[in-house]
Amino acid sequence: MCSNTCLIEAIELLAQKTYGIRSYANAFPEALDQARRDHIEMIEALRASRRDDLIALARRHLKPSQEAYIRAYERRFGDSNQAVMILAATES
């Protein structure tokens, strides 16, 4: 679908870095359904060059995974401050 090898490599690297975080939210069928709808909306925003909509959609799309990861971390370790720091490291 894309001939831009730099973009492909960047997407693959980010997918690897965030796999653990995404897997927490994707454990629920309703979350997967919402993710599919989000992806469709993001593709539509891309095709229509609606940058601001795409940014808002992407932020909304990422939030459930982040929240699910923090909840799981707190259940396992108690303190979410370390989880927030881990999430911040994956964003850079």
PDB file of N, CA and C in Angstrom:
ATOM      1  N   MET A   1       0.808  -1.193   0.000  1.00  0.00           N
ATOM      2  CA  MET A   1       0.000   0.000   0.000  1.00  0.00           C
ATOM      3  C   MET A   1       0.851   1.257   0.000  1.00  0.00           C
ATOM      4  N   CYS A   2       2.064   1.167   0.538  1.00  0.00           N
ATOM      5  CA  CYS A   2       2.902   2.357   0.653  1.00  0.00           C
ATOM      6  C   CYS A   2       4.306   2.004   0.169  1.00  0.00           C
ATOM      7  N   SER A   3       4.880   2.877  -0.636  1.00  0.00           N
ATOM      8  CA  SER A   3       6.233   2.628  -1.128  1.00  0.00           C
ATOM      9  C   SER A   3       7.290   3.405  -0.347  1.00  0.00           C
ATOM     10  N   ASN A   4       6.873   4.138   0.683  1.00  0.00           N
ATOM     11  CA  ASN A   4       7.792   4.936   1.494  1.00  0.00           C
ATOM     12  C   ASN A   4       8.405   4.031   2.562  1.00  0.00           C
ATOM     13  N   THR A   5       9.630   3.561   2.301  1.00  0.00           N
ATOM     14  CA  THR A   5      10.257   2.610   3.230  1.00  0.00           C
ATOM     15  C   THR A   5      10.543   3.229   4.605  1.00  0.00           C
ATOM     16  N   CYS A   6      10.858   4.519   4.644  1.00  0.00           N
ATOM     17  CA  CYS A   6      11.094   5.180   5.941  1.00  0.00           C
ATOM     18  C   CYS A   6       9.826   5.184   6.782  1.00  0.00           C
ATOM     19  N   LEU A   7       8.700   5.484   6.147  1.00  0.00           N
ATOM     20  CA  LEU A   7       7.421   5.489   6.857  1.00  0.00           C
ATOM     21  C   LEU A   7       7.068   4.085   7.329  1.00  0.00           C
ATOM     22  N   ILE A   8       7.266   3.104   6.478  1.00  0.00           N
ATOM     23  CA  ILE A   8       6.973   1.714   6.852  1.00  0.00           C
ATOM     24  C   ILE A   8       7.808   1.295   8.057  1.00  0.00           C
ATOM     25  N   GLU A   9       9.101   1.606   8.031  1.00  0.00           N
ATOM     26  CA  GLU A   9       9.990   1.252   9.147  1.00  0.00           C
ATOM     27  C   GLU A   9       9.573   1.965  10.429  1.00  0.00           C
ATOM     28  N   ALA A  10       9.198   3.233  10.327  1.00  0.00           N
ATOM     29  CA  ALA A  10       8.778   3.988  11.514  1.00  0.00           C
ATOM     30  C   ALA A  10       7.508   3.388  12.110  1.00  0.00           C
ATOM     31  N   ILE A  11       6.565   3.045  11.269  1.00  0.00           N
ATOM     32  CA  ILE A  11       5.312   2.451  11.747  1.00  0.00           C
ATOM     33  C   ILE A  11       5.587   1.104  12.407  1.00  0.00           C
ATOM     34  N   GLU A  12       6.430   0.292  11.793  1.00  0.00           N
ATOM     35  CA  GLU A  12       6.759  -1.020  12.367  1.00  0.00           C
ATOM     36  C   GLU A  12       7.463  -0.876  13.714  1.00  0.00           C
ATOM     37  N   LEU A  13       8.387   0.072  13.831  1.00  0.00           N
ATOM     38  CA  LEU A  13       9.091   0.298  15.091  1.00  0.00           C
ATOM     39  C   LEU A  13       8.120   0.733  16.187  1.00  0.00           C
ATOM     40  N   LEU A  14       7.247   1.676  15.859  1.00  0.00           N
ATOM     41  CA  LEU A  14       6.274   2.139  16.845  1.00  0.00           C
ATOM     42  C   LEU A  14       5.288   1.029  17.219  1.00  0.00           C
ATOM     43  N   ALA A  15       4.906   0.221  16.261  1.00  0.00           N
ATOM     44  CA  ALA A  15       4.001  -0.896  16.548  1.00  0.00           C
ATOM     45  C   ALA A  15       4.652  -1.867  17.537  1.00  0.00           C
ATOM     46  N   GLN A  16       5.942  -2.138  17.353  1.00  0.00           N
ATOM     47  CA  GLN A  16       6.652  -3.020  18.280  1.00  0.00           C
ATOM     48  C   GLN A  16       6.734  -2.422  19.676  1.00  0.00           C
ATOM     49  N   LYS A  17       7.033  -1.114  19.751  1.00  0.00           N
ATOM     50  CA  LYS A  17       7.177  -0.453  21.048  1.00  0.00           C
ATOM     51  C   LYS A  17       5.864  -0.403  21.818  1.00  0.00           C
ATOM     52  N   THR A  18       4.756  -0.312  21.118  1.00  0.00           N
ATOM     53  CA  THR A  18       3.469  -0.116  21.793  1.00  0.00           C
ATOM     54  C   THR A  18       2.623  -1.383  21.861  1.00  0.00           C
ATOM     55  N   TYR A  19       3.140  -2.509  21.401  1.00  0.00           N
ATOM     56  CA  TYR A  19       2.343  -3.733  21.374  1.00  0.00           C
ATOM     57  C   TYR A  19       1.790  -4.096  22.753  1.00  0.00           C
ATOM     58  N   GLY A  20       2.633  -4.058  23.757  1.00  0.00           N
ATOM     59  CA  GLY A  20       2.191  -4.423  25.106  1.00  0.00           C
ATOM     60  C   GLY A  20       1.080  -3.529  25.612  1.00  0.00           C
ATOM     61  N   ILE A  21       1.185  -2.255  25.335  1.00  0.00           N
ATOM     62  CA  ILE A  21       0.163  -1.306  25.779  1.00  0.00           C
ATOM     63  C   ILE A  21      -1.148  -1.552  25.045  1.00  0.00           C
ATOM     64  N   ARG A  22      -1.064  -1.704  23.713  1.00  0.00           N
ATOM     65  CA  ARG A  22      -2.277  -1.910  22.923  1.00  0.00           C
ATOM     66  C   ARG A  22      -2.980  -3.204  23.303  1.00  0.00           C
ATOM     67  N   SER A  23      -2.232  -4.229  23.651  1.00  0.00           N
ATOM     68  CA  SER A  23      -2.839  -5.529  23.923  1.00  0.00           C
ATOM     69  C   SER A  23      -3.758  -5.503  25.134  1.00  0.00           C
ATOM     70  N   TYR A  24      -3.517  -4.598  26.090  1.00  0.00           N
ATOM     71  CA  TYR A  24      -4.399  -4.510  27.255  1.00  0.00           C
ATOM     72  C   TYR A  24      -5.808  -4.110  26.844  1.00  0.00           C
ATOM     73  N   ALA A  25      -5.937  -3.101  26.018  1.00  0.00           N
ATOM     74  CA  ALA A  25      -7.266  -2.625  25.614  1.00  0.00           C
ATOM     75  C   ALA A  25      -7.917  -3.559  24.608  1.00  0.00           C
ATOM     76  N   ASN A  26      -7.118  -4.210  23.778  1.00  0.00           N
ATOM     77  CA  ASN A  26      -7.672  -5.054  22.727  1.00  0.00           C
ATOM     78  C   ASN A  26      -8.167  -6.406  23.231  1.00  0.00           C
ATOM     79  N   ALA A  27      -8.095  -6.633  24.524  1.00  0.00           N
ATOM     80  CA  ALA A  27      -8.568  -7.889  25.092  1.00  0.00           C
ATOM     81  C   ALA A  27     -10.088  -7.945  25.153  1.00  0.00           C
ATOM     82  N   PHE A  28     -10.750  -6.839  24.870  1.00  0.00           N
ATOM     83  CA  PHE A  28     -12.201  -6.769  24.973  1.00  0.00           C
ATOM     84  C   PHE A  28     -12.819  -6.543  23.600  1.00  0.00           C
ATOM     85  N   PRO A  29     -13.811  -7.355  23.210  1.00  0.00           N
ATOM     86  CA  PRO A  29     -14.417  -7.223  21.875  1.00  0.00           C
ATOM     87  C   PRO A  29     -14.947  -5.824  21.580  1.00  0.00           C
ATOM     88  N   GLU A  30     -15.558  -5.174  22.560  1.00  0.00           N
ATOM     89  CA  GLU A  30     -16.094  -3.831  22.310  1.00  0.00           C
ATOM     90  C   GLU A  30     -14.973  -2.825  22.031  1.00  0.00           C
ATOM     91  N   ALA A  31     -13.823  -3.042  22.658  1.00  0.00           N
ATOM     92  CA  ALA A  31     -12.676  -2.165  22.403  1.00  0.00           C
ATOM     93  C   ALA A  31     -12.153  -2.366  20.980  1.00  0.00           C
ATOM     94  N   LEU A  32     -12.135  -3.612  20.529  1.00  0.00           N
ATOM     95  CA  LEU A  32     -11.697  -3.880  19.161  1.00  0.00           C
ATOM     96  C   LEU A  32     -12.653  -3.277  18.146  1.00  0.00           C
ATOM     97  N   ASP A  33     -13.951  -3.383  18.413  1.00  0.00           N
ATOM     98  CA  ASP A  33     -14.937  -2.778  17.512  1.00  0.00           C
ATOM     99  C   ASP A  33     -14.737  -1.268  17.427  1.00  0.00           C
ATOM    100  N   GLN A  34     -14.509  -0.635  18.569  1.00  0.00           N
ATOM    101  CA  GLN A  34     -14.279   0.805  18.574  1.00  0.00           C
ATOM    102  C   GLN A  34     -12.990   1.154  17.832  1.00  0.00           C
ATOM    103  N   ALA A  35     -11.965   0.337  18.007  1.00  0.00           N
ATOM    104  CA  ALA A  35     -10.694   0.582  17.315  1.00  0.00           C
ATOM    105  C   ALA A  35     -10.884   0.511  15.805  1.00  0.00           C
ATOM    106  N   ARG A  36     -11.669  -0.444  15.336  1.00  0.00           N
ATOM    107  CA  ARG A  36     -11.938  -0.547  13.893  1.00  0.00           C
ATOM    108  C   ARG A  36     -12.669   0.695  13.394  1.00  0.00           C
ATOM    109  N   ARG A  37     -13.653   1.145  14.151  1.00  0.00           N
ATOM    110  CA  ARG A  37     -14.384   2.364  13.756  1.00  0.00           C
ATOM    111  C   ARG A  37     -13.445   3.573  13.755  1.00  0.00           C
ATOM    112  N   ASP A  38     -12.575   3.643  14.757  1.00  0.00           N
ATOM    113  CA  ASP A  38     -11.607   4.739  14.824  1.00  0.00           C
ATOM    114  C   ASP A  38     -10.708   4.740  13.594  1.00  0.00           C
ATOM    115  N   HIS A  39     -10.222   3.556  13.213  1.00  0.00           N
ATOM    116  CA  HIS A  39      -9.329   3.468  12.057  1.00  0.00           C
ATOM    117  C   HIS A  39     -10.035   3.935  10.785  1.00  0.00           C
ATOM    118  N   ILE A  40     -11.273   3.553  10.629  1.00  0.00           N
ATOM    119  CA  ILE A  40     -12.036   3.993   9.456  1.00  0.00           C
ATOM    120  C   ILE A  40     -12.170   5.515   9.450  1.00  0.00           C
ATOM    121  N   GLU A  41     -12.500   6.082  10.612  1.00  0.00           N
ATOM    122  CA  GLU A  41     -12.625   7.544  10.703  1.00  0.00           C
ATOM    123  C   GLU A  41     -11.295   8.239  10.424  1.00  0.00           C
ATOM    124  N   MET A  42     -10.193   7.662  10.909  1.00  0.00           N
ATOM    125  CA  MET A  42      -8.887   8.271  10.675  1.00  0.00           C
ATOM    126  C   MET A  42      -8.515   8.213   9.193  1.00  0.00           C
ATOM    127  N   ILE A  43      -8.816   7.095   8.546  1.00  0.00           N
ATOM    128  CA  ILE A  43      -8.543   6.985   7.114  1.00  0.00           C
ATOM    129  C   ILE A  43      -9.360   8.008   6.338  1.00  0.00           C
ATOM    130  N   GLU A  44     -10.620   8.167   6.713  1.00  0.00           N
ATOM    131  CA  GLU A  44     -11.467   9.169   6.049  1.00  0.00           C
ATOM    132  C   GLU A  44     -10.912  10.578   6.256  1.00  0.00           C
ATOM    133  N   ALA A  45     -10.448  10.867   7.454  1.00  0.00           N
ATOM    134  CA  ALA A  45      -9.865  12.190   7.723  1.00  0.00           C
ATOM    135  C   ALA A  45      -8.596  12.393   6.907  1.00  0.00           C
ATOM    136  N   LEU A  46      -7.779  11.353   6.793  1.00  0.00           N
ATOM    137  CA  LEU A  46      -6.565  11.440   5.975  1.00  0.00           C
ATOM    138  C   LEU A  46      -6.908  11.715   4.517  1.00  0.00           C
ATOM    139  N   ARG A  47      -7.842  10.951   3.997  1.00  0.00           N
ATOM    140  CA  ARG A  47      -8.224  11.110   2.584  1.00  0.00           C
ATOM    141  C   ARG A  47      -8.778  12.504   2.296  1.00  0.00           C
ATOM    142  N   ALA A  48      -9.463  13.077   3.272  1.00  0.00           N
ATOM    143  CA  ALA A  48     -10.072  14.395   3.087  1.00  0.00           C
ATOM    144  C   ALA A  48      -9.143  15.532   3.537  1.00  0.00           C
ATOM    145  N   SER A  49      -7.919  15.186   3.929  1.00  0.00           N
ATOM    146  CA  SER A  49      -6.939  16.185   4.392  1.00  0.00           C
ATOM    147  C   SER A  49      -7.467  17.008   5.561  1.00  0.00           C
ATOM    148  N   ARG A  50      -8.191  16.356   6.472  1.00  0.00           N
ATOM    149  CA  ARG A  50      -8.719  17.031   7.657  1.00  0.00           C
ATOM    150  C   ARG A  50      -7.756  16.774   8.823  1.00  0.00           C
ATOM    151  N   ARG A  51      -6.681  17.546   8.840  1.00  0.00           N
ATOM    152  CA  ARG A  51      -5.594  17.353   9.809  1.00  0.00           C
ATOM    153  C   ARG A  51      -6.069  17.464  11.253  1.00  0.00           C
ATOM    154  N   ASP A  52      -6.812  18.510  11.569  1.00  0.00           N
ATOM    155  CA  ASP A  52      -7.268  18.702  12.949  1.00  0.00           C
ATOM    156  C   ASP A  52      -8.164  17.556  13.408  1.00  0.00           C
ATOM    157  N   ASP A  53      -9.026  17.082  12.513  1.00  0.00           N
ATOM    158  CA  ASP A  53      -9.877  15.935  12.849  1.00  0.00           C
ATOM    159  C   ASP A  53      -9.029  14.690  13.094  1.00  0.00           C
ATOM    160  N   LEU A  54      -8.023  14.489  12.250  1.00  0.00           N
ATOM    161  CA  LEU A  54      -7.150  13.329  12.397  1.00  0.00           C
ATOM    162  C   LEU A  54      -6.428  13.357  13.736  1.00  0.00           C
ATOM    163  N   ILE A  55      -5.920  14.504  14.115  1.00  0.00           N
ATOM    164  CA  ILE A  55      -5.223  14.628  15.401  1.00  0.00           C
ATOM    165  C   ILE A  55      -6.165  14.286  16.553  1.00  0.00           C
ATOM    166  N   ALA A  56      -7.360  14.842  16.529  1.00  0.00           N
ATOM    167  CA  ALA A  56      -8.336  14.574  17.594  1.00  0.00           C
ATOM    168  C   ALA A  56      -8.723  13.098  17.619  1.00  0.00           C
ATOM    169  N   LEU A  57      -8.930  12.515  16.444  1.00  0.00           N
ATOM    170  CA  LEU A  57      -9.293  11.097  16.363  1.00  0.00           C
ATOM    171  C   LEU A  57      -8.174  10.212  16.898  1.00  0.00           C
ATOM    172  N   ALA A  58      -6.939  10.525  16.539  1.00  0.00           N
ATOM    173  CA  ALA A  58      -5.806   9.717  16.995  1.00  0.00           C
ATOM    174  C   ALA A  58      -5.658   9.792  18.512  1.00  0.00           C
ATOM    175  N   ARG A  59      -5.808  10.976  19.056  1.00  0.00           N
ATOM    176  CA  ARG A  59      -5.721  11.120  20.519  1.00  0.00           C
ATOM    177  C   ARG A  59      -6.822  10.336  21.215  1.00  0.00           C
ATOM    178  N   ARG A  60      -8.032  10.451  20.699  1.00  0.00           N
ATOM    179  CA  ARG A  60      -9.164   9.709  21.279  1.00  0.00           C
ATOM    180  C   ARG A  60      -8.929   8.209  21.161  1.00  0.00           C
ATOM    181  N   HIS A  61      -8.388   7.784  20.027  1.00  0.00           N
ATOM    182  CA  HIS A  61      -8.152   6.363  19.764  1.00  0.00           C
ATOM    183  C   HIS A  61      -7.116   5.765  20.722  1.00  0.00           C
ATOM    184  N   LEU A  62      -6.103   6.525  21.068  1.00  0.00           N
ATOM    185  CA  LEU A  62      -5.027   6.022  21.914  1.00  0.00           C
ATOM    186  C   LEU A  62      -5.373   5.999  23.400  1.00  0.00           C
ATOM    187  N   LYS A  63      -6.311   6.814  23.815  1.00  0.00           N
ATOM    188  CA  LYS A  63      -6.633   6.968  25.238  1.00  0.00           C
ATOM    189  C   LYS A  63      -7.054   5.662  25.929  1.00  0.00           C
ATOM    190  N   PRO A  64      -7.968   4.853  25.348  1.00  0.00           N
ATOM    191  CA  PRO A  64      -8.379   3.627  26.051  1.00  0.00           C
ATOM    192  C   PRO A  64      -7.239   2.660  26.338  1.00  0.00           C
ATOM    193  N   SER A  65      -6.291   2.525  25.407  1.00  0.00           N
ATOM    194  CA  SER A  65      -5.156   1.633  25.645  1.00  0.00           C
ATOM    195  C   SER A  65      -4.305   2.144  26.802  1.00  0.00           C
ATOM    196  N   GLN A  66      -4.068   3.441  26.814  1.00  0.00           N
ATOM    197  CA  GLN A  66      -3.290   4.031  27.902  1.00  0.00           C
ATOM    198  C   GLN A  66      -3.982   3.804  29.242  1.00  0.00           C
ATOM    199  N   GLU A  67      -5.264   4.060  29.287  1.00  0.00           N
ATOM    200  CA  GLU A  67      -6.007   3.885  30.542  1.00  0.00           C
ATOM    201  C   GLU A  67      -6.030   2.423  30.977  1.00  0.00           C
ATOM    202  N   ALA A  68      -6.216   1.504  30.032  1.00  0.00           N
ATOM    203  CA  ALA A  68      -6.228   0.072  30.365  1.00  0.00           C
ATOM    204  C   ALA A  68      -4.863  -0.373  30.880  1.00  0.00           C
ATOM    205  N   TYR A  69      -3.806   0.125  30.272  1.00  0.00           N
ATOM    206  CA  TYR A  69      -2.460  -0.231  30.713  1.00  0.00           C
ATOM    207  C   TYR A  69      -2.206   0.259  32.133  1.00  0.00           C
ATOM    208  N   ILE A  70      -2.604   1.497  32.431  1.00  0.00           N
ATOM    209  CA  ILE A  70      -2.401   2.053  33.772  1.00  0.00           C
ATOM    210  C   ILE A  70      -3.201   1.258  34.800  1.00  0.00           C
ATOM    211  N   ARG A  71      -4.449   0.915  34.476  1.00  0.00           N
ATOM    212  CA  ARG A  71      -5.264   0.113  35.415  1.00  0.00           C
ATOM    213  C   ARG A  71      -4.605  -1.240  35.684  1.00  0.00           C
ATOM    214  N   ALA A  72      -4.127  -1.896  34.616  1.00  0.00           N
ATOM    215  CA  ALA A  72      -3.481  -3.204  34.786  1.00  0.00           C
ATOM    216  C   ALA A  72      -2.200  -3.071  35.611  1.00  0.00           C
ATOM    217  N   TYR A  73      -1.445  -2.027  35.366  1.00  0.00           N
ATOM    218  CA  TYR A  73      -0.220  -1.789  36.120  1.00  0.00           C
ATOM    219  C   TYR A  73      -0.539  -1.578  37.592  1.00  0.00           C
ATOM    220  N   GLU A  74      -1.571  -0.773  37.867  1.00  0.00           N
ATOM    221  CA  GLU A  74      -1.956  -0.505  39.264  1.00  0.00           C
ATOM    222  C   GLU A  74      -2.434  -1.773  39.960  1.00  0.00           C
ATOM    223  N   ARG A  75      -3.157  -2.620  39.241  1.00  0.00           N
ATOM    224  CA  ARG A  75      -3.604  -3.885  39.845  1.00  0.00           C
ATOM    225  C   ARG A  75      -2.416  -4.762  40.209  1.00  0.00           C
ATOM    226  N   ARG A  76      -1.408  -4.739  39.365  1.00  0.00           N
ATOM    227  CA  ARG A  76      -0.256  -5.600  39.593  1.00  0.00           C
ATOM    228  C   ARG A  76       0.751  -5.009  40.568  1.00  0.00           C
ATOM    229  N   PHE A  77       1.017  -3.697  40.452  1.00  0.00           N
ATOM    230  CA  PHE A  77       2.103  -3.095  41.234  1.00  0.00           C
ATOM    231  C   PHE A  77       1.651  -2.012  42.206  1.00  0.00           C
ATOM    232  N   GLY A  78       0.425  -1.534  42.094  1.00  0.00           N
ATOM    233  CA  GLY A  78      -0.089  -0.552  43.024  1.00  0.00           C
ATOM    234  C   GLY A  78       0.053   0.896  42.614  1.00  0.00           C
ATOM    235  N   ASP A  79       1.229   1.332  42.240  1.00  0.00           N
ATOM    236  CA  ASP A  79       1.482   2.746  41.964  1.00  0.00           C
ATOM    237  C   ASP A  79       1.502   2.991  40.463  1.00  0.00           C
ATOM    238  N   SER A  80       0.684   3.920  40.001  1.00  0.00           N
ATOM    239  CA  SER A  80       0.618   4.180  38.564  1.00  0.00           C
ATOM    240  C   SER A  80       1.645   5.207  38.106  1.00  0.00           C
ATOM    241  N   ASN A  81       2.350   5.861  38.993  1.00  0.00           N
ATOM    242  CA  ASN A  81       3.337   6.854  38.565  1.00  0.00           C
ATOM    243  C   ASN A  81       4.402   6.235  37.669  1.00  0.00           C
ATOM    244  N   GLN A  82       4.847   5.029  37.994  1.00  0.00           N
ATOM    245  CA  GLN A  82       5.839   4.350  37.166  1.00  0.00           C
ATOM    246  C   GLN A  82       5.235   3.999  35.811  1.00  0.00           C
ATOM    247  N   ALA A  83       3.968   3.599  35.780  1.00  0.00           N
ATOM    248  CA  ALA A  83       3.307   3.279  34.511  1.00  0.00           C
ATOM    249  C   ALA A  83       3.234   4.508  33.624  1.00  0.00           C
ATOM    250  N   VAL A  84       2.927   5.642  34.196  1.00  0.00           N
ATOM    251  CA  VAL A  84       2.857   6.879  33.426  1.00  0.00           C
ATOM    252  C   VAL A  84       4.226   7.211  32.843  1.00  0.00           C
ATOM    253  N   MET A  85       5.283   6.979  33.606  1.00  0.00           N
ATOM    254  CA  MET A  85       6.635   7.242  33.118  1.00  0.00           C
ATOM    255  C   MET A  85       6.980   6.295  31.970  1.00  0.00           C
ATOM    256  N   ILE A  86       6.567   5.025  32.075  1.00  0.00           N
ATOM    257  CA  ILE A  86       6.810   4.054  31.007  1.00  0.00           C
ATOM    258  C   ILE A  86       6.087   4.485  29.743  1.00  0.00           C
ATOM    259  N   LEU A  87       4.840   4.891  29.895  1.00  0.00           N
ATOM    260  CA  LEU A  87       4.059   5.339  28.738  1.00  0.00           C
ATOM    261  C   LEU A  87       4.701   6.564  28.094  1.00  0.00           C
ATOM    262  N   ALA A  88       5.176   7.480  28.897  1.00  0.00           N
ATOM    263  CA  ALA A  88       5.815   8.679  28.359  1.00  0.00           C
ATOM    264  C   ALA A  88       7.065   8.301  27.570  1.00  0.00           C
ATOM    265  N   ALA A  89       7.793   7.302  28.032  1.00  0.00           N
ATOM    266  CA  ALA A  89       9.014   6.860  27.334  1.00  0.00           C
ATOM    267  C   ALA A  89       8.683   6.250  25.989  1.00  0.00           C
ATOM    268  N   THR A  90       7.546   5.562  25.861  1.00  0.00           N
ATOM    269  CA  THR A  90       7.189   4.962  24.581  1.00  0.00           C
ATOM    270  C   THR A  90       6.708   5.986  23.582  1.00  0.00           C
ATOM    271  N   GLU A  91       6.301   7.165  24.062  1.00  0.00           N
ATOM    272  CA  GLU A  91       5.820   8.210  23.177  1.00  0.00           C
ATOM    273  C   GLU A  91       6.961   8.963  22.526  1.00  0.00           C
ATOM    274  N   SER A  92       8.157   8.853  23.073  1.00  0.00           N
ATOM    275  CA  SER A  92       9.287   9.604  22.507  1.00  0.00           C
ATOM    276  C   SER A  92      10.059   8.775  21.513  1.00  0.00           C
TER     277      SER A  92
END
